[in-house]
Amino acid sequence: MTTLTSHEGLYQLLLQKQQLEQERIKSKLEENAQDIQDYYAMWAHQIKVPLSVLDLMNQTNTIDKYETSNQLLITNQYLDMMLHFIRLKSFHQDLSFEKINVQSLLRSVIQEYKYLFIHKDLDVSLSGFDLLIISDSKWLQFVFEQVIFNAIKYTSEGSIDIKCQNDHQVIIKDTGIGIAASDLPRLFDKGYTGFNGRLENNASGLGLYMVKQILHNLGHDIIISSKVNFGTSVIIDFKQTENR
């Protein structure tokens, strides 16, 4: 029987560790590739909805300015989500921390969705303090867009109220259809659409998953509470500003 020397044993151990690390990296790359492939398939299904609406208006010569703007906005939303989903895979290589005025960022998102508010006849208010935080404005804008877009999507009448509190929290509250208690624990699971998502044929189940991942990576937190037929309240907490 051949006995390995201490140097040979150490060499074998290092080779095993290297092989395990290579297998881990290969598995991660395959997982990422499968995630992107699955998302592309889902995205292709989603993008057909606004494009079909635009095509129908064109064929029937019933072009409506507000509806056209809304469908183009939704199309752009899906494109933006796809780009952010891809960038999320290399999140820490795509960060730029700076001082951000949260109210100013929220105003730009509200302005971006003004046609949706008008089209659905929803009141929107922004109140509270001028919060100044250190974060990444591009990723944070995407978070606000997703949360506010969901509020608009699931609110047929009433209002969406946004408040910046002096305890470094932003509360986005709507008067929409609400979320079933059984769905709340799984809201941030990838691909989970819940009852409301099943009602909306084009729900992806990725928006809130991405929001949670982004905020976690930025060192922030999110809490969602809701009651069916009484609306939803989303709290984004910026007190924890250490990047993870």
Protein backbone atom coordinates (compact mmCIF):
# COMPACT_ATOMS: atom_id res chain seq x y z
CA MET A 1 0.00 0.00 0.00
CA THR A 2 1.32 3.43 -0.97
CA THR A 3 1.33 6.00 1.81
CA LEU A 4 0.93 9.63 0.79
CA THR A 5 3.40 12.11 2.22
CA SER A 6 2.03 15.16 4.04
CA HIS A 7 2.77 17.32 0.96
CA GLU A 8 1.02 14.91 -1.38
CA GLY A 9 -1.97 14.68 0.96
CA LEU A 10 -2.21 18.46 1.09
CA TYR A 11 -1.98 18.60 -2.71
CA GLN A 12 -4.82 16.08 -3.06
CA LEU A 13 -6.94 18.05 -0.61
CA LEU A 14 -6.37 21.27 -2.57
CA LEU A 15 -7.30 19.51 -5.82
CA GLN A 16 -10.53 18.26 -4.23
CA LYS A 17 -11.39 21.74 -2.98
CA GLN A 18 -10.69 23.22 -6.41
CA GLN A 19 -12.87 20.60 -8.08
CA LEU A 20 -15.73 21.26 -5.64
CA GLU A 21 -15.44 25.01 -6.27
CA GLN A 22 -15.48 24.51 -10.03
CA GLU A 23 -18.58 22.31 -9.71
CA ARG A 24 -20.24 24.96 -7.54
CA ILE A 25 -19.49 27.70 -10.07
CA LYS A 26 -20.71 25.50 -12.95
CA SER A 27 -23.94 24.73 -11.07
CA LYS A 28 -24.49 28.45 -10.35
CA LEU A 29 -23.93 29.39 -13.99
CA GLU A 30 -26.36 26.71 -15.13
CA GLU A 31 -28.92 27.93 -12.58
CA ASN A 32 -28.54 31.53 -13.76
CA ALA A 33 -28.86 30.46 -17.40
CA GLN A 34 -32.02 28.50 -16.61
CA ASP A 35 -33.46 31.46 -14.67
CA ILE A 36 -32.88 33.79 -17.61
CA GLN A 37 -34.30 31.25 -20.08
CA ASP A 38 -37.42 30.81 -17.93
CA TYR A 39 -37.80 34.56 -17.61
CA TYR A 40 -37.47 35.11 -21.36
CA ALA A 41 -40.31 32.64 -21.94
CA MET A 42 -42.49 34.39 -19.35
CA TRP A 43 -41.55 37.85 -20.65
CA ALA A 44 -42.46 36.87 -24.22
CA HIS A 45 -45.94 35.93 -22.97
CA GLN A 46 -46.30 39.18 -21.01
CA ILE A 47 -45.17 41.52 -23.74
CA LYS A 48 -47.79 40.13 -26.15
CA VAL A 49 -50.63 41.63 -24.10
CA PRO A 50 -49.89 45.37 -24.56
CA LEU A 51 -48.69 44.77 -28.11
CA SER A 52 -51.95 42.98 -28.94
CA VAL A 53 -53.95 45.91 -27.55
CA LEU A 54 -51.98 48.38 -29.67
CA ASP A 55 -52.35 46.18 -32.73
CA LEU A 56 -56.11 45.87 -32.21
CA MET A 57 -56.51 49.66 -31.92
CA ASN A 58 -54.50 50.07 -35.10
CA GLN A 59 -56.54 47.48 -37.03
CA THR A 60 -59.88 48.91 -35.90
CA ASN A 61 -58.74 52.52 -36.30
CA THR A 62 -59.72 53.28 -32.69
CA ILE A 63 -56.51 54.91 -31.55
CA ASP A 64 -56.92 56.44 -28.11
CA LYS A 65 -54.20 58.76 -26.80
CA TYR A 66 -54.47 57.72 -23.15
CA GLU A 67 -54.77 54.00 -23.90
CA THR A 68 -51.85 54.16 -26.33
CA SER A 69 -49.70 55.91 -23.70
CA ASN A 70 -50.74 53.36 -21.09
CA GLN A 71 -49.88 50.35 -23.25
CA LEU A 72 -46.54 51.85 -24.29
CA LEU A 73 -45.78 52.50 -20.62
CA ILE A 74 -46.60 48.90 -19.73
CA THR A 75 -44.42 47.66 -22.60
CA ASN A 76 -41.55 49.81 -21.37
CA GLN A 77 -42.16 48.48 -17.85
CA TYR A 78 -41.68 44.90 -19.04
CA LEU A 79 -38.54 45.83 -20.98
CA ASP A 80 -37.11 47.59 -17.94
CA MET A 81 -37.91 44.61 -15.71
CA MET A 82 -36.09 42.27 -18.08
CA LEU A 83 -32.97 44.44 -18.05
CA HIS A 84 -33.00 44.69 -14.26
CA PHE A 85 -33.53 40.95 -13.91
CA ILE A 86 -30.38 40.33 -15.96
CA ARG A 87 -28.40 42.96 -14.04
CA LEU A 88 -29.54 41.47 -10.74
CA LYS A 89 -27.26 38.50 -11.46
CA SER A 90 -24.22 40.81 -11.15
CA PHE A 91 -25.77 43.27 -8.71
CA HIS A 92 -22.63 44.33 -6.83
CA GLN A 93 -20.86 45.20 -10.09
CA ASP A 94 -23.64 47.65 -10.97
CA LEU A 95 -23.83 49.88 -7.89
CA SER A 96 -23.34 53.61 -7.50
CA PHE A 97 -24.04 54.96 -4.01
CA GLU A 98 -24.98 58.59 -3.61
CA LYS A 99 -27.09 60.91 -1.48
CA ILE A 100 -30.72 60.63 -2.62
CA ASN A 101 -33.74 62.82 -1.93
CA VAL A 102 -36.43 60.16 -1.63
CA GLN A 103 -39.36 62.54 -2.22
CA SER A 104 -37.75 63.78 -5.44
CA LEU A 105 -37.33 60.21 -6.68
CA LEU A 106 -40.94 59.40 -5.81
CA ARG A 107 -42.17 62.50 -7.67
CA SER A 108 -40.41 61.33 -10.83
CA VAL A 109 -42.10 57.91 -10.58
CA ILE A 110 -45.52 59.52 -10.03
CA GLN A 111 -44.92 61.73 -13.06
CA GLU A 112 -43.90 58.67 -15.07
CA TYR A 113 -47.25 57.00 -14.25
CA LYS A 114 -49.45 60.09 -14.58
CA TYR A 115 -51.42 58.67 -17.53
CA LEU A 116 -52.23 55.53 -15.56
CA PHE A 117 -53.51 57.63 -12.64
CA ILE A 118 -55.60 59.74 -15.03
CA HIS A 119 -56.89 56.74 -16.97
CA LYS A 120 -58.09 54.99 -13.80
CA ASP A 121 -59.22 58.24 -12.15
CA LEU A 122 -57.11 57.56 -9.06
CA ASP A 123 -56.04 60.23 -6.60
CA VAL A 124 -52.38 60.20 -5.62
CA SER A 125 -50.73 62.11 -2.78
CA LEU A 126 -47.14 62.51 -1.63
CA SER A 127 -46.57 63.95 1.83
CA GLY A 128 -44.18 63.95 4.75
CA PHE A 129 -40.53 64.78 5.17
CA ASP A 130 -37.71 65.25 2.68
CA LEU A 131 -35.78 62.06 3.38
CA LEU A 132 -32.11 62.05 2.46
CA ILE A 133 -30.50 58.62 2.30
CA ILE A 134 -27.39 56.98 0.88
CA SER A 135 -28.31 54.37 -1.71
CA ASP A 136 -28.35 53.60 -5.43
CA SER A 137 -30.91 55.79 -7.21
CA LYS A 138 -31.26 53.58 -10.32
CA TRP A 139 -32.09 50.44 -8.34
CA LEU A 140 -34.24 52.36 -5.88
CA GLN A 141 -36.27 53.94 -8.68
CA PHE A 142 -36.96 50.46 -10.04
CA VAL A 143 -38.22 49.42 -6.58
CA PHE A 144 -40.59 52.41 -6.36
CA GLU A 145 -41.80 51.79 -9.92
CA GLN A 146 -42.68 48.17 -9.14
CA VAL A 147 -44.48 48.95 -5.87
CA ILE A 148 -46.45 51.93 -7.24
CA PHE A 149 -47.27 50.12 -10.49
CA ASN A 150 -48.71 47.22 -8.45
CA ALA A 151 -50.75 49.67 -6.38
CA ILE A 152 -52.21 51.19 -9.56
CA LYS A 153 -52.76 47.78 -11.15
CA TYR A 154 -54.82 46.41 -8.27
CA THR A 155 -56.71 49.60 -7.39
CA SER A 156 -59.83 50.27 -9.44
CA GLU A 157 -61.05 53.27 -7.45
CA GLY A 158 -59.97 55.49 -4.59
CA SER A 159 -56.42 56.63 -3.98
CA ILE A 160 -52.77 55.83 -3.52
CA ASP A 161 -51.16 57.73 -0.65
CA ILE A 162 -47.38 57.92 -0.28
CA LYS A 163 -45.84 59.24 2.92
CA CYS A 164 -42.20 59.84 3.81
CA GLN A 165 -41.81 59.56 7.57
CA ASN A 166 -39.05 61.04 9.71
CA ASP A 167 -38.11 57.56 10.96
CA HIS A 168 -36.68 56.89 7.48
CA GLN A 169 -39.64 54.91 6.26
CA VAL A 170 -41.75 55.32 3.14
CA ILE A 171 -45.33 54.06 3.30
CA ILE A 172 -47.24 53.43 0.07
CA LYS A 173 -50.90 52.73 0.80
CA ASP A 174 -53.68 51.98 -1.67
CA THR A 175 -57.42 51.34 -1.52
CA GLY A 176 -57.27 48.38 -3.87
CA ILE A 177 -58.53 44.83 -3.78
CA GLY A 178 -56.02 43.78 -1.13
CA ILE A 179 -54.12 40.53 -0.72
CA ALA A 180 -55.39 37.31 0.81
CA ALA A 181 -53.83 36.44 4.18
CA SER A 182 -52.75 33.05 2.79
CA ASP A 183 -50.71 34.81 0.07
CA LEU A 184 -48.83 37.26 2.31
CA PRO A 185 -46.09 34.86 3.54
CA ARG A 186 -45.11 33.99 -0.06
CA LEU A 187 -45.29 37.42 -1.70
CA PHE A 188 -41.51 37.61 -2.18
CA ASP A 189 -41.06 34.06 -3.50
CA LYS A 190 -39.79 33.90 -7.07
CA GLY A 191 -42.57 33.06 -9.51
CA TYR A 192 -45.35 33.23 -6.92
CA THR A 193 -48.34 35.17 -8.24
CA GLY A 194 -51.00 34.39 -5.62
CA PHE A 195 -54.73 34.78 -6.13
CA ASN A 196 -54.47 38.32 -7.52
CA GLY A 197 -51.83 37.20 -9.99
CA ARG A 198 -54.08 34.44 -11.24
CA LEU A 199 -56.80 37.01 -11.84
CA GLU A 200 -54.28 39.04 -13.88
CA ASN A 201 -53.30 36.72 -16.72
CA ASN A 202 -50.06 38.61 -17.35
CA ALA A 203 -48.67 38.57 -13.78
CA SER A 204 -45.07 37.30 -13.65
CA GLY A 205 -44.50 36.68 -9.96
CA LEU A 206 -41.06 38.31 -10.28
CA GLY A 207 -41.68 41.98 -9.46
CA LEU A 208 -41.84 41.66 -5.67
CA TYR A 209 -39.18 38.96 -5.66
CA MET A 210 -36.80 41.39 -7.38
CA VAL A 211 -37.85 44.25 -5.09
CA LYS A 212 -37.01 42.16 -2.02
CA GLN A 213 -33.65 41.06 -3.43
CA ILE A 214 -32.67 44.60 -4.42
CA LEU A 215 -33.61 46.13 -1.08
CA HIS A 216 -31.83 43.35 0.80
CA ASN A 217 -28.67 43.92 -1.23
CA LEU A 218 -28.90 47.67 -0.60
CA GLY A 219 -29.32 47.07 3.14
CA HIS A 220 -32.96 48.20 3.26
CA ASP A 221 -36.12 46.32 4.19
CA ILE A 222 -39.73 45.98 3.03
CA ILE A 223 -42.88 44.96 4.91
CA ILE A 224 -46.29 44.42 3.30
CA SER A 225 -49.60 44.25 5.14
CA SER A 226 -53.00 43.93 3.50
CA LYS A 227 -56.64 43.00 3.90
CA VAL A 228 -58.91 41.82 1.11
CA ASN A 229 -61.20 44.64 -0.12
CA PHE A 230 -59.48 47.16 2.17
CA GLY A 231 -56.21 47.79 0.34
CA THR A 232 -52.50 47.21 0.83
CA SER A 233 -49.79 49.02 2.76
CA VAL A 234 -46.13 48.74 1.76
CA ILE A 235 -43.44 49.99 4.14
CA ILE A 236 -39.91 50.49 2.81
CA ASP A 237 -37.47 50.95 5.66
CA PHE A 238 -34.23 52.84 5.00
CA LYS A 239 -32.91 52.94 8.57
CA GLN A 240 -30.57 50.05 7.83
CA THR A 241 -28.27 51.63 5.27
CA GLU A 242 -25.28 49.30 5.45
CA ASN A 243 -24.70 47.58 2.11
CA ARG A 244 -24.76 43.78 2.42
